[in-house]
N, C-alpha and C. Protein backbone atom coordinates (compact mmCIF):
# COMPACT_ATOMS: atom_id res chain seq x y z
N MET A 1 -6.54 -44.36 -19.33
CA MET A 1 -7.08 -44.60 -20.68
C MET A 1 -6.94 -46.08 -21.03
N GLY A 2 -8.03 -46.71 -21.46
CA GLY A 2 -7.99 -48.12 -21.82
C GLY A 2 -7.29 -48.34 -23.14
N LEU A 3 -7.00 -49.62 -23.42
CA LEU A 3 -6.28 -49.96 -24.64
C LEU A 3 -7.06 -49.56 -25.88
N SER A 4 -8.38 -49.77 -25.88
CA SER A 4 -9.16 -49.41 -27.06
C SER A 4 -9.15 -47.91 -27.29
N GLU A 5 -9.18 -47.13 -26.21
CA GLU A 5 -9.11 -45.68 -26.34
C GLU A 5 -7.75 -45.25 -26.86
N THR A 6 -6.69 -45.91 -26.36
CA THR A 6 -5.34 -45.60 -26.83
C THR A 6 -5.21 -45.88 -28.31
N ASN A 7 -5.71 -47.05 -28.74
CA ASN A 7 -5.63 -47.40 -30.15
C ASN A 7 -6.38 -46.40 -31.01
N SER A 8 -7.54 -45.94 -30.53
CA SER A 8 -8.32 -44.96 -31.28
C SER A 8 -7.58 -43.64 -31.39
N ALA A 9 -6.89 -43.25 -30.31
CA ALA A 9 -6.20 -41.96 -30.28
C ALA A 9 -5.02 -41.92 -31.23
N ILE A 10 -4.42 -43.07 -31.50
CA ILE A 10 -3.24 -43.07 -32.38
C ILE A 10 -3.51 -43.78 -33.69
N ALA A 11 -4.79 -43.94 -34.03
CA ALA A 11 -5.13 -44.57 -35.30
C ALA A 11 -4.48 -43.82 -36.45
N ASN A 12 -4.10 -44.56 -37.47
CA ASN A 12 -3.48 -44.01 -38.67
C ASN A 12 -2.11 -43.39 -38.37
N SER A 13 -1.38 -44.01 -37.43
CA SER A 13 -0.01 -43.60 -37.13
C SER A 13 0.97 -44.62 -37.72
N VAL A 14 2.18 -44.16 -37.98
CA VAL A 14 3.26 -45.05 -38.39
C VAL A 14 4.45 -44.80 -37.49
N VAL A 15 5.19 -45.85 -37.17
CA VAL A 15 6.38 -45.73 -36.34
C VAL A 15 7.62 -45.75 -37.23
N LEU A 16 8.43 -44.71 -37.12
CA LEU A 16 9.70 -44.65 -37.83
C LEU A 16 10.82 -44.98 -36.85
N VAL A 17 11.66 -45.95 -37.22
CA VAL A 17 12.79 -46.33 -36.38
C VAL A 17 14.08 -46.14 -37.18
N PRO A 18 14.81 -45.06 -36.95
CA PRO A 18 16.07 -44.86 -37.68
C PRO A 18 17.14 -45.82 -37.19
N LEU A 19 17.82 -46.46 -38.13
CA LEU A 19 18.85 -47.44 -37.78
C LEU A 19 19.90 -47.45 -38.89
N ARG A 20 20.99 -46.72 -38.67
CA ARG A 20 21.98 -46.54 -39.73
C ARG A 20 22.61 -47.86 -40.16
N SER A 21 23.13 -48.62 -39.21
CA SER A 21 23.70 -49.94 -39.53
C SER A 21 23.98 -50.67 -38.23
N PHE A 22 24.21 -51.97 -38.34
CA PHE A 22 24.65 -52.73 -37.18
C PHE A 22 26.16 -52.69 -37.01
N ASP A 23 26.89 -52.52 -38.11
CA ASP A 23 28.35 -52.61 -38.06
C ASP A 23 29.00 -51.48 -37.26
N ASP A 24 28.47 -50.27 -37.38
CA ASP A 24 29.08 -49.16 -36.66
C ASP A 24 28.20 -48.68 -35.51
N ALA A 25 27.28 -49.56 -35.09
CA ALA A 25 26.36 -49.19 -34.02
C ALA A 25 27.09 -49.02 -32.70
N LYS A 26 26.73 -47.98 -31.97
CA LYS A 26 27.21 -47.75 -30.61
C LYS A 26 28.73 -47.77 -30.52
N SER A 27 29.37 -46.99 -31.37
CA SER A 27 30.83 -46.93 -31.37
C SER A 27 31.38 -46.44 -30.04
N ARG A 28 30.57 -45.71 -29.27
CA ARG A 28 31.04 -45.23 -27.97
C ARG A 28 31.24 -46.37 -26.97
N LEU A 29 30.75 -47.57 -27.32
CA LEU A 29 30.95 -48.73 -26.46
C LEU A 29 32.17 -49.54 -26.85
N SER A 30 32.92 -49.07 -27.86
CA SER A 30 33.99 -49.88 -28.44
C SER A 30 35.14 -50.16 -27.48
N ASP A 31 35.33 -49.35 -26.48
CA ASP A 31 36.40 -49.61 -25.51
C ASP A 31 36.08 -50.79 -24.61
N SER A 32 34.81 -51.13 -24.51
CA SER A 32 34.39 -52.21 -23.62
C SER A 32 33.84 -53.43 -24.33
N PHE A 33 33.31 -53.24 -25.56
CA PHE A 33 32.66 -54.33 -26.27
C PHE A 33 33.11 -54.36 -27.72
N ASP A 34 33.38 -55.57 -28.22
CA ASP A 34 33.86 -55.67 -29.60
C ASP A 34 32.70 -55.49 -30.58
N ALA A 35 33.04 -55.49 -31.86
CA ALA A 35 32.05 -55.17 -32.89
C ALA A 35 30.90 -56.18 -32.90
N GLN A 36 31.22 -57.47 -32.72
CA GLN A 36 30.17 -58.48 -32.74
C GLN A 36 29.23 -58.32 -31.55
N GLN A 37 29.77 -58.01 -30.39
CA GLN A 37 28.92 -57.79 -29.21
C GLN A 37 28.00 -56.59 -29.43
N ARG A 38 28.53 -55.55 -30.05
CA ARG A 38 27.71 -54.37 -30.31
C ARG A 38 26.62 -54.67 -31.34
N ARG A 39 26.94 -55.50 -32.33
CA ARG A 39 25.94 -55.90 -33.32
C ARG A 39 24.79 -56.66 -32.65
N VAL A 40 25.15 -57.61 -31.80
CA VAL A 40 24.13 -58.40 -31.09
C VAL A 40 23.26 -57.50 -30.24
N LEU A 41 23.91 -56.62 -29.51
CA LEU A 41 23.18 -55.68 -28.65
C LEU A 41 22.21 -54.83 -29.45
N MET A 42 22.70 -54.22 -30.53
CA MET A 42 21.88 -53.31 -31.31
C MET A 42 20.71 -54.04 -31.95
N ARG A 43 20.97 -55.24 -32.45
CA ARG A 43 19.90 -56.02 -33.08
C ARG A 43 18.82 -56.38 -32.06
N GLN A 44 19.23 -56.79 -30.87
CA GLN A 44 18.25 -57.17 -29.85
C GLN A 44 17.44 -55.98 -29.38
N MET A 45 18.09 -54.84 -29.19
CA MET A 45 17.35 -53.65 -28.77
C MET A 45 16.38 -53.20 -29.86
N ALA A 46 16.83 -53.24 -31.11
CA ALA A 46 15.97 -52.83 -32.21
C ALA A 46 14.75 -53.74 -32.32
N GLU A 47 14.94 -55.04 -32.11
CA GLU A 47 13.82 -55.97 -32.15
C GLU A 47 12.84 -55.68 -31.00
N THR A 48 13.36 -55.27 -29.86
CA THR A 48 12.52 -54.90 -28.73
C THR A 48 11.65 -53.69 -29.09
N VAL A 49 12.26 -52.70 -29.75
CA VAL A 49 11.53 -51.49 -30.13
C VAL A 49 10.47 -51.81 -31.17
N VAL A 50 10.81 -52.62 -32.15
CA VAL A 50 9.83 -53.00 -33.17
C VAL A 50 8.64 -53.71 -32.52
N ALA A 51 8.92 -54.63 -31.60
CA ALA A 51 7.84 -55.35 -30.93
C ALA A 51 6.97 -54.41 -30.11
N ALA A 52 7.57 -53.33 -29.58
CA ALA A 52 6.83 -52.38 -28.75
C ALA A 52 5.85 -51.54 -29.56
N ALA A 53 5.94 -51.61 -30.88
CA ALA A 53 4.96 -50.91 -31.73
C ALA A 53 3.62 -51.64 -31.75
N HIS A 54 3.63 -52.92 -31.37
CA HIS A 54 2.41 -53.74 -31.35
C HIS A 54 1.73 -53.72 -32.71
N ASP A 55 0.50 -53.19 -32.80
CA ASP A 55 -0.26 -53.27 -34.04
C ASP A 55 -0.01 -52.10 -34.98
N LEU A 56 0.88 -51.19 -34.62
CA LEU A 56 1.17 -50.07 -35.50
C LEU A 56 2.16 -50.47 -36.59
N PRO A 57 2.02 -49.95 -37.80
CA PRO A 57 3.00 -50.24 -38.84
C PRO A 57 4.34 -49.60 -38.49
N VAL A 58 5.41 -50.28 -38.84
CA VAL A 58 6.77 -49.82 -38.55
C VAL A 58 7.54 -49.68 -39.85
N TRP A 59 8.24 -48.57 -39.99
CA TRP A 59 9.19 -48.37 -41.09
C TRP A 59 10.57 -48.20 -40.48
N ILE A 60 11.50 -49.06 -40.88
CA ILE A 60 12.89 -48.90 -40.48
C ILE A 60 13.55 -47.93 -41.46
N VAL A 61 14.11 -46.86 -40.95
CA VAL A 61 14.73 -45.84 -41.80
C VAL A 61 16.22 -46.17 -41.91
N THR A 62 16.63 -46.67 -43.07
CA THR A 62 18.02 -47.11 -43.24
C THR A 62 18.38 -47.17 -44.72
N ASP A 63 19.66 -47.06 -44.99
CA ASP A 63 20.19 -47.33 -46.33
C ASP A 63 21.10 -48.55 -46.32
N ASP A 64 21.15 -49.25 -45.20
CA ASP A 64 22.07 -50.36 -45.02
C ASP A 64 21.41 -51.68 -45.44
N ARG A 65 22.08 -52.44 -46.30
CA ARG A 65 21.50 -53.68 -46.82
C ARG A 65 21.32 -54.72 -45.73
N ASP A 66 22.27 -54.81 -44.81
CA ASP A 66 22.18 -55.78 -43.72
C ASP A 66 20.98 -55.49 -42.84
N VAL A 67 20.76 -54.22 -42.52
CA VAL A 67 19.60 -53.84 -41.72
C VAL A 67 18.31 -54.12 -42.50
N ALA A 68 18.32 -53.87 -43.80
CA ALA A 68 17.14 -54.12 -44.63
C ALA A 68 16.78 -55.61 -44.63
N LYS A 69 17.79 -56.48 -44.70
CA LYS A 69 17.54 -57.93 -44.65
C LYS A 69 16.96 -58.33 -43.31
N TRP A 70 17.50 -57.77 -42.25
CA TRP A 70 16.99 -58.03 -40.90
C TRP A 70 15.53 -57.61 -40.80
N ALA A 71 15.22 -56.43 -41.31
CA ALA A 71 13.84 -55.93 -41.25
C ALA A 71 12.90 -56.83 -42.05
N ALA A 72 13.35 -57.26 -43.23
CA ALA A 72 12.52 -58.13 -44.06
C ALA A 72 12.21 -59.44 -43.34
N ALA A 73 13.20 -59.96 -42.60
CA ALA A 73 12.99 -61.21 -41.86
C ALA A 73 11.95 -61.02 -40.75
N LEU A 74 11.84 -59.80 -40.24
CA LEU A 74 10.83 -59.50 -39.22
C LEU A 74 9.48 -59.14 -39.83
N GLY A 75 9.45 -59.00 -41.16
CA GLY A 75 8.22 -58.58 -41.82
C GLY A 75 7.94 -57.11 -41.67
N VAL A 76 9.02 -56.31 -41.53
CA VAL A 76 8.90 -54.88 -41.31
C VAL A 76 9.39 -54.14 -42.55
N ALA A 77 8.72 -53.05 -42.90
CA ALA A 77 9.09 -52.26 -44.07
C ALA A 77 10.36 -51.45 -43.81
N CYS A 78 11.07 -51.13 -44.89
CA CYS A 78 12.26 -50.28 -44.83
C CYS A 78 12.06 -49.06 -45.71
N VAL A 79 12.63 -47.95 -45.28
CA VAL A 79 12.63 -46.74 -46.08
C VAL A 79 14.08 -46.32 -46.30
N ALA A 80 14.55 -46.40 -47.54
CA ALA A 80 15.89 -45.94 -47.88
C ALA A 80 15.80 -44.46 -48.23
N VAL A 81 16.59 -43.64 -47.55
CA VAL A 81 16.46 -42.19 -47.72
C VAL A 81 17.59 -41.57 -48.54
N GLY A 82 18.72 -42.26 -48.66
CA GLY A 82 19.79 -41.78 -49.52
C GLY A 82 20.50 -40.54 -49.04
N VAL A 83 20.45 -40.27 -47.74
CA VAL A 83 21.15 -39.11 -47.19
C VAL A 83 21.88 -39.53 -45.92
N HIS A 84 22.89 -38.74 -45.55
CA HIS A 84 23.60 -38.98 -44.30
C HIS A 84 23.02 -38.10 -43.21
N GLY A 85 22.99 -38.62 -42.00
CA GLY A 85 22.53 -37.83 -40.87
C GLY A 85 21.13 -38.17 -40.44
N LEU A 86 20.92 -38.20 -39.13
CA LEU A 86 19.62 -38.57 -38.58
C LEU A 86 18.54 -37.56 -38.95
N ASN A 87 18.81 -36.29 -38.78
CA ASN A 87 17.77 -35.29 -39.05
C ASN A 87 17.33 -35.24 -40.51
N PRO A 88 18.26 -35.23 -41.47
CA PRO A 88 17.81 -35.29 -42.87
C PRO A 88 17.06 -36.58 -43.21
N GLY A 89 17.54 -37.70 -42.64
CA GLY A 89 16.89 -38.97 -42.92
C GLY A 89 15.46 -39.03 -42.40
N ILE A 90 15.27 -38.57 -41.16
CA ILE A 90 13.93 -38.56 -40.58
C ILE A 90 13.03 -37.58 -41.32
N THR A 91 13.58 -36.47 -41.76
CA THR A 91 12.79 -35.50 -42.51
C THR A 91 12.22 -36.12 -43.78
N ILE A 92 13.06 -36.85 -44.51
CA ILE A 92 12.61 -37.51 -45.73
C ILE A 92 11.59 -38.60 -45.43
N ALA A 93 11.89 -39.43 -44.41
CA ALA A 93 10.96 -40.51 -44.06
C ALA A 93 9.61 -39.97 -43.60
N ALA A 94 9.64 -38.88 -42.84
CA ALA A 94 8.39 -38.28 -42.37
C ALA A 94 7.57 -37.74 -43.54
N ALA A 95 8.25 -37.15 -44.53
CA ALA A 95 7.55 -36.65 -45.71
C ALA A 95 6.90 -37.80 -46.48
N ARG A 96 7.58 -38.93 -46.56
CA ARG A 96 7.01 -40.09 -47.25
C ARG A 96 5.81 -40.64 -46.48
N ALA A 97 5.89 -40.62 -45.15
CA ALA A 97 4.76 -41.08 -44.34
C ALA A 97 3.56 -40.18 -44.54
N THR A 98 3.82 -38.88 -44.64
CA THR A 98 2.73 -37.93 -44.91
C THR A 98 2.10 -38.22 -46.27
N ALA A 99 2.96 -38.43 -47.28
CA ALA A 99 2.46 -38.72 -48.63
C ALA A 99 1.68 -40.03 -48.68
N ALA A 100 2.04 -40.96 -47.78
CA ALA A 100 1.35 -42.25 -47.75
C ALA A 100 0.00 -42.17 -47.04
N GLY A 101 -0.29 -41.02 -46.45
CA GLY A 101 -1.60 -40.82 -45.85
C GLY A 101 -1.68 -41.00 -44.35
N PHE A 102 -0.54 -41.20 -43.68
CA PHE A 102 -0.57 -41.32 -42.23
C PHE A 102 -0.81 -39.95 -41.61
N SER A 103 -1.64 -39.91 -40.58
CA SER A 103 -1.96 -38.64 -39.94
C SER A 103 -1.01 -38.28 -38.81
N ARG A 104 -0.38 -39.29 -38.21
CA ARG A 104 0.60 -39.04 -37.16
C ARG A 104 1.82 -39.92 -37.37
N ILE A 105 2.95 -39.41 -36.89
CA ILE A 105 4.23 -40.10 -37.02
C ILE A 105 4.83 -40.27 -35.64
N ILE A 106 5.24 -41.48 -35.32
CA ILE A 106 5.93 -41.76 -34.07
C ILE A 106 7.37 -42.13 -34.42
N ILE A 107 8.32 -41.42 -33.86
CA ILE A 107 9.73 -41.69 -34.12
C ILE A 107 10.34 -42.28 -32.86
N ALA A 108 10.88 -43.47 -32.96
CA ALA A 108 11.43 -44.16 -31.80
C ALA A 108 12.88 -44.54 -32.07
N HIS A 109 13.76 -44.17 -31.15
CA HIS A 109 15.15 -44.61 -31.26
C HIS A 109 15.21 -46.12 -31.09
N ALA A 110 16.22 -46.73 -31.68
CA ALA A 110 16.32 -48.19 -31.70
C ALA A 110 17.04 -48.76 -30.49
N ASP A 111 17.52 -47.90 -29.59
CA ASP A 111 18.34 -48.39 -28.47
C ASP A 111 17.61 -48.28 -27.13
N LEU A 112 16.39 -48.77 -27.09
CA LEU A 112 15.57 -48.70 -25.88
C LEU A 112 15.32 -50.12 -25.37
N PRO A 113 16.18 -50.64 -24.50
CA PRO A 113 16.12 -52.06 -24.12
C PRO A 113 14.91 -52.45 -23.30
N PHE A 114 14.22 -51.48 -22.69
CA PHE A 114 13.07 -51.78 -21.85
C PHE A 114 11.74 -51.43 -22.50
N ALA A 115 11.76 -50.99 -23.74
CA ALA A 115 10.52 -50.55 -24.40
C ALA A 115 9.50 -51.69 -24.45
N THR A 116 8.27 -51.38 -24.06
CA THR A 116 7.20 -52.37 -24.12
C THR A 116 6.00 -51.90 -24.94
N ASP A 117 5.77 -50.58 -24.98
CA ASP A 117 4.60 -50.10 -25.71
C ASP A 117 4.82 -48.65 -26.14
N LEU A 118 5.10 -48.45 -27.40
CA LEU A 118 5.30 -47.10 -27.94
C LEU A 118 4.00 -46.33 -28.02
N ARG A 119 2.88 -47.01 -27.93
CA ARG A 119 1.58 -46.37 -28.11
C ARG A 119 1.22 -45.44 -26.96
N VAL A 120 1.97 -45.51 -25.85
CA VAL A 120 1.69 -44.59 -24.74
C VAL A 120 2.10 -43.16 -25.08
N VAL A 121 2.93 -43.00 -26.11
CA VAL A 121 3.34 -41.65 -26.52
C VAL A 121 2.32 -41.15 -27.52
N GLN A 122 1.21 -40.66 -27.00
CA GLN A 122 0.11 -40.24 -27.86
C GLN A 122 -0.58 -39.04 -27.24
N GLY A 123 -1.25 -38.28 -28.11
CA GLY A 123 -1.92 -37.06 -27.70
C GLY A 123 -2.00 -36.14 -28.91
N SER A 124 -2.45 -34.93 -28.68
CA SER A 124 -2.50 -33.96 -29.77
C SER A 124 -1.19 -33.18 -29.81
N GLY A 125 -0.90 -32.56 -30.93
CA GLY A 125 0.33 -31.79 -31.05
C GLY A 125 1.56 -32.67 -30.99
N VAL A 126 2.63 -32.17 -30.37
CA VAL A 126 3.89 -32.88 -30.25
C VAL A 126 3.97 -33.53 -28.87
N VAL A 127 4.28 -34.81 -28.86
CA VAL A 127 4.36 -35.58 -27.62
C VAL A 127 5.72 -36.26 -27.57
N ILE A 128 6.44 -36.10 -26.47
CA ILE A 128 7.78 -36.69 -26.36
C ILE A 128 7.93 -37.45 -25.05
N ALA A 129 8.47 -38.66 -25.15
CA ALA A 129 8.97 -39.40 -23.99
C ALA A 129 10.49 -39.19 -24.00
N PRO A 130 11.01 -38.32 -23.13
CA PRO A 130 12.45 -38.02 -23.16
C PRO A 130 13.27 -39.11 -22.48
N ASP A 131 14.58 -39.01 -22.62
CA ASP A 131 15.45 -39.90 -21.87
C ASP A 131 15.44 -39.49 -20.39
N ARG A 132 16.10 -40.29 -19.57
CA ARG A 132 16.04 -40.07 -18.13
C ARG A 132 16.72 -38.77 -17.70
N HIS A 133 17.53 -38.19 -18.57
CA HIS A 133 18.19 -36.92 -18.27
C HIS A 133 17.39 -35.73 -18.80
N ARG A 134 16.27 -35.99 -19.46
CA ARG A 134 15.46 -34.98 -20.13
C ARG A 134 16.32 -34.18 -21.11
N ASP A 135 17.17 -34.88 -21.82
CA ASP A 135 18.03 -34.27 -22.83
C ASP A 135 17.62 -34.73 -24.23
N GLY A 136 17.51 -36.04 -24.40
CA GLY A 136 17.17 -36.59 -25.71
C GLY A 136 15.69 -36.84 -25.87
N SER A 137 15.27 -37.05 -27.12
CA SER A 137 13.87 -37.33 -27.46
C SER A 137 13.76 -38.79 -27.86
N ASN A 138 13.66 -39.68 -26.87
CA ASN A 138 13.70 -41.10 -27.16
C ASN A 138 12.55 -41.57 -28.05
N VAL A 139 11.34 -41.10 -27.75
CA VAL A 139 10.19 -41.40 -28.59
C VAL A 139 9.39 -40.11 -28.75
N MET A 140 9.07 -39.78 -29.98
CA MET A 140 8.32 -38.55 -30.26
C MET A 140 7.17 -38.84 -31.21
N SER A 141 6.01 -38.27 -30.91
CA SER A 141 4.84 -38.38 -31.77
C SER A 141 4.43 -36.98 -32.20
N LEU A 142 4.09 -36.83 -33.46
CA LEU A 142 3.71 -35.52 -33.97
C LEU A 142 2.78 -35.67 -35.17
N PRO A 143 2.00 -34.65 -35.47
CA PRO A 143 1.12 -34.72 -36.64
C PRO A 143 1.94 -34.66 -37.93
N SER A 144 1.54 -35.42 -38.90
CA SER A 144 2.25 -35.40 -40.19
C SER A 144 1.96 -34.09 -40.92
N GLY A 145 2.86 -33.73 -41.81
CA GLY A 145 2.66 -32.56 -42.64
C GLY A 145 2.68 -31.24 -41.89
N SER A 146 3.29 -31.21 -40.71
CA SER A 146 3.27 -29.99 -39.88
C SER A 146 4.42 -29.04 -40.18
N GLY A 147 5.39 -29.49 -40.99
CA GLY A 147 6.56 -28.66 -41.25
C GLY A 147 7.56 -28.66 -40.10
N PHE A 148 7.46 -29.65 -39.24
CA PHE A 148 8.33 -29.75 -38.07
C PHE A 148 9.78 -29.91 -38.50
N VAL A 149 10.68 -29.12 -37.89
CA VAL A 149 12.11 -29.20 -38.17
C VAL A 149 12.77 -30.02 -37.07
N PHE A 150 13.31 -31.16 -37.43
CA PHE A 150 13.90 -32.07 -36.45
C PHE A 150 15.28 -31.58 -36.01
N ALA A 151 15.56 -31.80 -34.71
CA ALA A 151 16.83 -31.33 -34.13
C ALA A 151 17.40 -32.38 -33.21
N TYR A 152 17.48 -33.61 -33.70
CA TYR A 152 18.07 -34.67 -32.90
C TYR A 152 19.54 -34.38 -32.66
N GLY A 153 20.02 -34.80 -31.48
CA GLY A 153 21.37 -34.49 -31.05
C GLY A 153 21.30 -33.95 -29.63
N PRO A 154 22.38 -33.33 -29.14
CA PRO A 154 22.37 -32.80 -27.78
C PRO A 154 21.21 -31.83 -27.54
N ASN A 155 20.55 -31.99 -26.40
CA ASN A 155 19.46 -31.09 -25.99
C ASN A 155 18.27 -31.13 -26.94
N SER A 156 18.04 -32.25 -27.58
CA SER A 156 16.95 -32.31 -28.55
C SER A 156 15.58 -32.17 -27.89
N PHE A 157 15.43 -32.62 -26.66
CA PHE A 157 14.14 -32.51 -26.00
C PHE A 157 13.70 -31.04 -25.92
N THR A 158 14.59 -30.17 -25.47
CA THR A 158 14.26 -28.75 -25.37
C THR A 158 14.08 -28.13 -26.75
N LYS A 159 14.93 -28.51 -27.70
CA LYS A 159 14.83 -27.96 -29.05
C LYS A 159 13.51 -28.36 -29.71
N HIS A 160 13.10 -29.60 -29.51
CA HIS A 160 11.84 -30.04 -30.10
C HIS A 160 10.64 -29.38 -29.43
N ARG A 161 10.72 -29.15 -28.13
CA ARG A 161 9.65 -28.42 -27.45
C ARG A 161 9.54 -27.00 -28.00
N THR A 162 10.69 -26.38 -28.23
CA THR A 162 10.70 -25.03 -28.80
C THR A 162 10.12 -25.02 -30.21
N GLU A 163 10.44 -26.06 -30.98
CA GLU A 163 9.91 -26.16 -32.35
C GLU A 163 8.39 -26.33 -32.33
N ALA A 164 7.89 -27.10 -31.38
CA ALA A 164 6.43 -27.23 -31.26
C ALA A 164 5.78 -25.88 -31.01
N SER A 165 6.42 -25.09 -30.15
CA SER A 165 5.89 -23.75 -29.86
C SER A 165 5.93 -22.87 -31.10
N ARG A 166 7.01 -22.97 -31.87
CA ARG A 166 7.13 -22.16 -33.08
C ARG A 166 6.00 -22.44 -34.05
N LEU A 167 5.59 -23.70 -34.10
CA LEU A 167 4.54 -24.10 -35.04
C LEU A 167 3.14 -23.93 -34.45
N GLY A 168 3.06 -23.50 -33.20
CA GLY A 168 1.75 -23.35 -32.58
C GLY A 168 1.10 -24.66 -32.21
N LEU A 169 1.93 -25.70 -32.00
CA LEU A 169 1.41 -27.01 -31.64
C LEU A 169 1.50 -27.21 -30.13
N SER A 170 0.54 -27.89 -29.56
CA SER A 170 0.60 -28.20 -28.14
C SER A 170 1.77 -29.15 -27.88
N PHE A 171 2.24 -29.17 -26.64
CA PHE A 171 3.37 -30.03 -26.29
C PHE A 171 3.04 -30.82 -25.03
N THR A 172 3.31 -32.12 -25.09
CA THR A 172 3.09 -32.99 -23.95
C THR A 172 4.33 -33.82 -23.68
N GLU A 173 4.74 -33.87 -22.42
CA GLU A 173 5.85 -34.73 -22.01
C GLU A 173 5.29 -35.99 -21.37
N ILE A 174 5.77 -37.14 -21.83
CA ILE A 174 5.35 -38.42 -21.27
C ILE A 174 6.50 -38.99 -20.44
N ASN A 175 6.29 -39.15 -19.17
CA ASN A 175 7.31 -39.73 -18.30
C ASN A 175 7.05 -41.22 -18.17
N GLU A 176 7.75 -41.99 -18.98
CA GLU A 176 7.53 -43.43 -19.04
C GLU A 176 8.88 -44.14 -18.84
N ALA A 177 9.01 -44.83 -17.71
CA ALA A 177 10.29 -45.43 -17.34
C ALA A 177 10.81 -46.41 -18.38
N THR A 178 9.91 -47.15 -19.03
CA THR A 178 10.35 -48.16 -20.00
C THR A 178 10.92 -47.54 -21.27
N LEU A 179 10.67 -46.26 -21.48
CA LEU A 179 11.18 -45.57 -22.67
C LEU A 179 12.28 -44.57 -22.33
N ALA A 180 12.56 -44.37 -21.06
CA ALA A 180 13.48 -43.32 -20.63
C ALA A 180 14.94 -43.73 -20.66
N TRP A 181 15.21 -45.04 -20.70
CA TRP A 181 16.59 -45.49 -20.60
C TRP A 181 17.09 -45.96 -21.96
N ASP A 182 18.00 -45.18 -22.53
CA ASP A 182 18.67 -45.60 -23.75
C ASP A 182 20.11 -45.96 -23.40
N ILE A 183 20.83 -46.47 -24.39
CA ILE A 183 22.19 -46.96 -24.14
C ILE A 183 23.20 -46.06 -24.84
N ASP A 184 23.98 -45.34 -24.04
CA ASP A 184 25.00 -44.45 -24.58
C ASP A 184 26.40 -44.78 -24.11
N SER A 185 26.52 -45.47 -22.99
CA SER A 185 27.84 -45.73 -22.41
C SER A 185 27.91 -47.15 -21.88
N PRO A 186 29.13 -47.69 -21.69
CA PRO A 186 29.26 -49.03 -21.10
C PRO A 186 28.58 -49.13 -19.74
N ASN A 187 28.59 -48.05 -18.97
CA ASN A 187 27.94 -48.08 -17.67
C ASN A 187 26.44 -48.28 -17.80
N ASP A 188 25.83 -47.63 -18.80
CA ASP A 188 24.40 -47.84 -19.06
C ASP A 188 24.13 -49.31 -19.34
N LEU A 189 24.99 -49.89 -20.15
CA LEU A 189 24.80 -51.26 -20.59
C LEU A 189 24.90 -52.23 -19.43
N ARG A 190 25.92 -52.10 -18.62
CA ARG A 190 26.11 -53.01 -17.49
C ARG A 190 25.00 -52.86 -16.46
N THR A 191 24.46 -51.66 -16.37
CA THR A 191 23.44 -51.40 -15.37
C THR A 191 22.11 -52.02 -15.73
N VAL A 192 21.74 -51.98 -17.01
CA VAL A 192 20.35 -52.33 -17.35
C VAL A 192 20.17 -53.62 -18.14
N LEU A 193 21.23 -54.17 -18.71
CA LEU A 193 21.04 -55.34 -19.56
C LEU A 193 21.62 -56.60 -18.95
N PRO A 194 20.96 -57.74 -19.18
CA PRO A 194 21.49 -59.00 -18.70
C PRO A 194 22.88 -59.27 -19.28
N GLN A 195 23.72 -59.92 -18.50
CA GLN A 195 25.09 -60.20 -18.94
C GLN A 195 25.13 -61.03 -20.21
N ARG A 196 24.08 -61.82 -20.43
CA ARG A 196 24.09 -62.69 -21.61
C ARG A 196 24.13 -61.87 -22.90
N ILE A 197 23.59 -60.64 -22.87
CA ILE A 197 23.58 -59.84 -24.08
C ILE A 197 24.96 -59.32 -24.39
N VAL A 198 25.66 -58.76 -23.42
CA VAL A 198 26.94 -58.15 -23.69
C VAL A 198 28.03 -59.18 -23.89
N SER A 199 27.78 -60.43 -23.54
CA SER A 199 28.80 -61.45 -23.71
C SER A 199 28.49 -62.41 -24.83
N SER A 200 27.41 -62.18 -25.56
CA SER A 200 27.02 -63.07 -26.66
C SER A 200 28.02 -63.01 -27.80
């Protein structure tokens, strides 16, 4: 599929990027990297994900003032949801995207260091680019206003596929190497990122 066809297929989509804060980002890396290193890492990965949206509008889903300032400096919109937890936050942000008139919603995690183009996650129904373990839903695209119940957390890929079936929506898995690697452990970080990032 050419770029013009891809753009047509995902027209009127918005990208939601949930990002709770930089201060407590990636706490599972705390045994190997200090708070400032984790902040630098998270900020750089998030900027990579935002850039991978290309011409699609991006909403950063956060209630954190520091993240909001960062987003404003990038010229990216923020959505404050006023709730704790990824699933409630995305539910509110998705409802606002629906109310704003977007026909499709793309949800991308902020910790994808190799992301280059989120637009490859496109199609009808629910489309997911899972992590390399086929456990998490690194990038998901779905029609707005579908009543989809989000189940981010362990085994979310299977749970989201089941939810698509419950709603009678088609399901497509996108195997895209640049979107499959997220950062959950120090080993992930040392394996995939330049040393300059973890030592900044």
